[in-house]
Amino acid sequence: MKEFQFEGKWRKFVVEGMPSSEEILQDIVNDLESKLGVLVLPAGYNPKNNKVNIYTQSKPGDEKPYGDMTQRITVSYDDEGEIELNAIIGHSRSMDRIGEPYNRTRMAGQGIWMPSGGKPVTINDLKYYVKQLQLGNEEEAQAVADFYKDRQPD
């Protein structure tokens, strides 16, 4: 049965029983979290309601990590349900492990790789990227610890 649904000045037809785009996106989030074992959240800027951010250093159920140095992978879904890689942001050590040419960001020691036009990826590809970002983060943490190891407080 069709009925009108009013949203501000706009109205659209809604078919009862069909999931909303928010419900579909939440199903995608849940599916990726279970397959990757890391926190996945809908992207902040998401006009088509089809993008998610994968936070490689957080577990499902954790709060969203804040800060410019947060490593993340942004993917989107097309109408057929195919995953497309939009961007990977991570420490330079993590980006070196991925092996793709990347650009520096305004943050020292951080890089971004944005495949032109997006890149179709599989769950196995995403698992690989998540693992490389996690290993790169461990290397970065060890490098920082080594740098401060013999320092005396001022």
C-alpha atoms as a PDB file:
ATOM      1  CA  MET A   1       0.000   0.000   0.000  1.00  0.00           C
ATOM      2  CA  LYS A   2       1.344   3.428  -0.909  1.00  0.00           C
ATOM      3  CA  GLU A   3       0.950   6.510   1.199  1.00  0.00           C
ATOM      4  CA  PHE A   4       2.399   9.989   1.326  1.00  0.00           C
ATOM      5  CA  GLN A   5       5.177  10.724   3.759  1.00  0.00           C
ATOM      6  CA  PHE A   6       5.891  14.371   4.435  1.00  0.00           C
ATOM      7  CA  GLU A   7       9.442  15.542   5.127  1.00  0.00           C
ATOM      8  CA  GLY A   8       9.670  19.313   5.394  1.00  0.00           C
ATOM      9  CA  LYS A   9       8.564  20.753   2.076  1.00  0.00           C
ATOM     10  CA  TRP A  10       9.180  17.491   0.247  1.00  0.00           C
ATOM     11  CA  ARG A  11       6.950  14.485  -0.025  1.00  0.00           C
ATOM     12  CA  LYS A  12       7.567  11.066  -1.454  1.00  0.00           C
ATOM     13  CA  PHE A  13       5.867   7.734  -1.874  1.00  0.00           C
ATOM     14  CA  VAL A  14       6.723   5.051   0.632  1.00  0.00           C
ATOM     15  CA  VAL A  15       5.911   1.386   0.179  1.00  0.00           C
ATOM     16  CA  GLU A  16       5.103  -0.376   3.435  1.00  0.00           C
ATOM     17  CA  GLY A  17       7.461  -3.177   4.308  1.00  0.00           C
ATOM     18  CA  MET A  18      10.389  -1.832   2.298  1.00  0.00           C
ATOM     19  CA  PRO A  19      13.422  -0.951   4.411  1.00  0.00           C
ATOM     20  CA  SER A  20      14.486   2.672   4.517  1.00  0.00           C
ATOM     21  CA  SER A  21      17.916   3.743   3.281  1.00  0.00           C
ATOM     22  CA  GLU A  22      18.987   4.179   6.926  1.00  0.00           C
ATOM     23  CA  GLU A  23      18.005   0.582   7.699  1.00  0.00           C
ATOM     24  CA  ILE A  24      19.877  -0.674   4.645  1.00  0.00           C
ATOM     25  CA  LEU A  25      22.966   1.335   5.658  1.00  0.00           C
ATOM     26  CA  GLN A  26      22.776  -0.068   9.211  1.00  0.00           C
ATOM     27  CA  ASP A  27      22.650  -3.607   7.760  1.00  0.00           C
ATOM     28  CA  ILE A  28      25.796  -2.806   5.752  1.00  0.00           C
ATOM     29  CA  VAL A  29      27.494  -1.458   8.897  1.00  0.00           C
ATOM     30  CA  ASN A  30      26.589  -4.576  10.872  1.00  0.00           C
ATOM     31  CA  ASP A  31      27.744  -6.879   8.062  1.00  0.00           C
ATOM     32  CA  LEU A  32      31.138  -5.154   7.721  1.00  0.00           C
ATOM     33  CA  GLU A  33      31.682  -5.071  11.491  1.00  0.00           C
ATOM     34  CA  SER A  34      31.064  -8.803  11.772  1.00  0.00           C
ATOM     35  CA  LYS A  35      33.337  -9.639   8.823  1.00  0.00           C
ATOM     36  CA  LEU A  36      36.199  -7.234   9.644  1.00  0.00           C
ATOM     37  CA  GLY A  37      36.077  -7.196  13.453  1.00  0.00           C
ATOM     38  CA  VAL A  38      36.541  -3.416  13.662  1.00  0.00           C
ATOM     39  CA  LEU A  39      34.286  -0.400  14.220  1.00  0.00           C
ATOM     40  CA  VAL A  40      32.265   0.678  11.175  1.00  0.00           C
ATOM     41  CA  LEU A  41      30.070   3.805  11.175  1.00  0.00           C
ATOM     42  CA  PRO A  42      28.111   5.710   8.537  1.00  0.00           C
ATOM     43  CA  ALA A  43      30.217   8.511   7.052  1.00  0.00           C
ATOM     44  CA  GLY A  44      29.595  12.041   8.298  1.00  0.00           C
ATOM     45  CA  TYR A  45      29.141  13.520   4.830  1.00  0.00           C
ATOM     46  CA  ASN A  46      26.924  11.059   3.033  1.00  0.00           C
ATOM     47  CA  PRO A  47      24.333  12.633   0.696  1.00  0.00           C
ATOM     48  CA  LYS A  48      23.569   9.334  -1.081  1.00  0.00           C
ATOM     49  CA  ASN A  49      23.440   7.441   2.241  1.00  0.00           C
ATOM     50  CA  ASN A  50      25.815   4.776   0.921  1.00  0.00           C
ATOM     51  CA  LYS A  51      29.206   5.528   2.569  1.00  0.00           C
ATOM     52  CA  VAL A  52      30.769   4.103   5.701  1.00  0.00           C
ATOM     53  CA  ASN A  53      34.017   4.692   7.566  1.00  0.00           C
ATOM     54  CA  ILE A  54      36.008   1.731   8.855  1.00  0.00           C
ATOM     55  CA  TYR A  55      38.035   2.603  11.972  1.00  0.00           C
ATOM     56  CA  THR A  56      40.867   0.083  12.129  1.00  0.00           C
ATOM     57  CA  GLN A  57      41.972   0.744  15.720  1.00  0.00           C
ATOM     58  CA  SER A  58      38.533   0.389  17.362  1.00  0.00           C
ATOM     59  CA  LYS A  59      36.414  -2.664  18.084  1.00  0.00           C
ATOM     60  CA  PRO A  60      32.696  -2.948  17.272  1.00  0.00           C
ATOM     61  CA  GLY A  61      30.639  -1.194  19.924  1.00  0.00           C
ATOM     62  CA  ASP A  62      33.383   1.279  20.836  1.00  0.00           C
ATOM     63  CA  GLU A  63      32.790   4.989  20.585  1.00  0.00           C
ATOM     64  CA  LYS A  64      33.834   6.793  17.432  1.00  0.00           C
ATOM     65  CA  PRO A  65      37.501   7.751  17.675  1.00  0.00           C
ATOM     66  CA  TYR A  66      38.143  11.467  17.407  1.00  0.00           C
ATOM     67  CA  GLY A  67      41.143  13.302  16.107  1.00  0.00           C
ATOM     68  CA  ASP A  68      42.840  14.112  12.853  1.00  0.00           C
ATOM     69  CA  MET A  69      45.302  11.223  13.186  1.00  0.00           C
ATOM     70  CA  THR A  70      42.593   8.543  13.282  1.00  0.00           C
ATOM     71  CA  GLN A  71      43.280   5.866  10.684  1.00  0.00           C
ATOM     72  CA  ARG A  72      40.259   4.991   8.606  1.00  0.00           C
ATOM     73  CA  ILE A  73      39.033   3.490   5.365  1.00  0.00           C
ATOM     74  CA  THR A  74      36.063   5.019   3.544  1.00  0.00           C
ATOM     75  CA  VAL A  75      34.009   2.791   1.255  1.00  0.00           C
ATOM     76  CA  SER A  76      30.700   3.167  -0.544  1.00  0.00           C
ATOM     77  CA  TYR A  77      28.133   0.749  -1.923  1.00  0.00           C
ATOM     78  CA  ASP A  78      26.579   0.995  -5.359  1.00  0.00           C
ATOM     79  CA  ASP A  79      23.046  -0.053  -6.289  1.00  0.00           C
ATOM     80  CA  GLU A  80      24.130  -3.663  -6.905  1.00  0.00           C
ATOM     81  CA  GLY A  81      25.732  -3.906  -3.446  1.00  0.00           C
ATOM     82  CA  GLU A  82      29.324  -3.824  -4.721  1.00  0.00           C
ATOM     83  CA  ILE A  83      31.900  -2.228  -2.408  1.00  0.00           C
ATOM     84  CA  GLU A  84      33.981   0.644  -3.759  1.00  0.00           C
ATOM     85  CA  LEU A  85      37.056   2.024  -1.998  1.00  0.00           C
ATOM     86  CA  ASN A  86      36.967   5.824  -1.738  1.00  0.00           C
ATOM     87  CA  ALA A  87      39.928   6.614   0.536  1.00  0.00           C
ATOM     88  CA  ILE A  88      42.416   5.262   3.034  1.00  0.00           C
ATOM     89  CA  ILE A  89      43.873   7.654   5.607  1.00  0.00           C
ATOM     90  CA  GLY A  90      46.647   6.470   7.877  1.00  0.00           C
ATOM     91  CA  HIS A  91      50.108   6.946   9.321  1.00  0.00           C
ATOM     92  CA  SER A  92      52.910   7.068   6.751  1.00  0.00           C
ATOM     93  CA  ARG A  93      54.194   3.732   8.072  1.00  0.00           C
ATOM     94  CA  SER A  94      50.765   2.187   7.462  1.00  0.00           C
ATOM     95  CA  MET A  95      50.483   3.699   4.001  1.00  0.00           C
ATOM     96  CA  ASP A  96      53.935   2.390   3.094  1.00  0.00           C
ATOM     97  CA  ARG A  97      52.754  -1.117   4.036  1.00  0.00           C
ATOM     98  CA  ILE A  98      49.782  -0.856   1.658  1.00  0.00           C
ATOM     99  CA  GLY A  99      52.150  -0.110  -1.204  1.00  0.00           C
ATOM    100  CA  GLU A 100      50.002   2.280  -3.223  1.00  0.00           C
ATOM    101  CA  PRO A 101      51.180   5.801  -4.115  1.00  0.00           C
ATOM    102  CA  TYR A 102      49.697   8.204  -1.599  1.00  0.00           C
ATOM    103  CA  ASN A 103      49.750  11.914  -0.826  1.00  0.00           C
ATOM    104  CA  ARG A 104      50.715  13.628   2.388  1.00  0.00           C
ATOM    105  CA  THR A 105      48.055  15.375   4.447  1.00  0.00           C
ATOM    106  CA  ARG A 106      48.318  18.551   6.514  1.00  0.00           C
ATOM    107  CA  MET A 107      49.180  16.344   9.498  1.00  0.00           C
ATOM    108  CA  ALA A 108      52.841  15.353   9.808  1.00  0.00           C
ATOM    109  CA  GLY A 109      53.396  11.638   9.325  1.00  0.00           C
ATOM    110  CA  GLN A 110      50.004  10.971   7.779  1.00  0.00           C
ATOM    111  CA  GLY A 111      49.037  10.032   4.232  1.00  0.00           C
ATOM    112  CA  ILE A 112      45.923   9.571   2.125  1.00  0.00           C
ATOM    113  CA  TRP A 113      45.263   7.350  -0.867  1.00  0.00           C
ATOM    114  CA  MET A 114      42.186   8.111  -2.937  1.00  0.00           C
ATOM    115  CA  PRO A 115      41.915   5.892  -6.021  1.00  0.00           C
ATOM    116  CA  SER A 116      40.607   8.005  -8.892  1.00  0.00           C
ATOM    117  CA  GLY A 117      36.997   7.142  -9.585  1.00  0.00           C
ATOM    118  CA  GLY A 118      36.954   4.670  -6.699  1.00  0.00           C
ATOM    119  CA  LYS A 119      38.258   1.118  -6.760  1.00  0.00           C
ATOM    120  CA  PRO A 120      36.080  -2.002  -6.540  1.00  0.00           C
ATOM    121  CA  VAL A 121      37.178  -4.094  -3.557  1.00  0.00           C
ATOM    122  CA  THR A 122      36.188  -7.338  -1.869  1.00  0.00           C
ATOM    123  CA  ILE A 123      35.927  -8.187   1.810  1.00  0.00           C
ATOM    124  CA  ASN A 124      39.337  -9.900   1.543  1.00  0.00           C
ATOM    125  CA  ASP A 125      40.837  -6.671   0.155  1.00  0.00           C
ATOM    126  CA  LEU A 126      39.357  -4.742   3.078  1.00  0.00           C
ATOM    127  CA  LYS A 127      40.727  -7.300   5.558  1.00  0.00           C
ATOM    128  CA  TYR A 128      44.176  -6.809   4.021  1.00  0.00           C
ATOM    129  CA  TYR A 129      43.947  -3.005   4.289  1.00  0.00           C
ATOM    130  CA  VAL A 130      42.703  -3.202   7.888  1.00  0.00           C
ATOM    131  CA  LYS A 131      45.582  -5.518   8.850  1.00  0.00           C
ATOM    132  CA  GLN A 132      48.195  -3.291   7.184  1.00  0.00           C
ATOM    133  CA  LEU A 133      46.842  -0.189   8.950  1.00  0.00           C
ATOM    134  CA  GLN A 134      46.894  -2.016  12.283  1.00  0.00           C
ATOM    135  CA  LEU A 135      50.479  -3.217  11.776  1.00  0.00           C
ATOM    136  CA  GLY A 136      51.557   0.260  10.666  1.00  0.00           C
ATOM    137  CA  ASN A 137      49.965   1.736  13.782  1.00  0.00           C
ATOM    138  CA  GLU A 138      51.941  -0.691  15.974  1.00  0.00           C
ATOM    139  CA  GLU A 139      55.155   0.316  14.168  1.00  0.00           C
ATOM    140  CA  GLU A 140      54.325   4.008  14.667  1.00  0.00           C
ATOM    141  CA  ALA A 141      53.661   3.468  18.384  1.00  0.00           C
ATOM    142  CA  GLN A 142      56.988   1.639  18.750  1.00  0.00           C
ATOM    143  CA  ALA A 143      58.841   4.416  16.903  1.00  0.00           C
ATOM    144  CA  VAL A 144      57.354   7.055  19.217  1.00  0.00           C
ATOM    145  CA  ALA A 145      58.213   4.971  22.292  1.00  0.00           C
ATOM    146  CA  ASP A 146      61.795   4.522  21.065  1.00  0.00           C
ATOM    147  CA  PHE A 147      62.127   8.252  20.407  1.00  0.00           C
ATOM    148  CA  TYR A 148      61.118   9.156  23.967  1.00  0.00           C
ATOM    149  CA  LYS A 149      62.805   6.173  25.662  1.00  0.00           C
ATOM    150  CA  ASP A 150      65.953   7.923  26.941  1.00  0.00           C
ATOM    151  CA  ARG A 151      64.572  11.437  27.298  1.00  0.00           C
ATOM    152  CA  GLN A 152      64.666  13.180  30.624  1.00  0.00           C
ATOM    153  CA  PRO A 153      61.805  15.459  31.652  1.00  0.00           C
ATOM    154  CA  ASP A 154      62.555  19.188  31.437  1.00  0.00           C
END
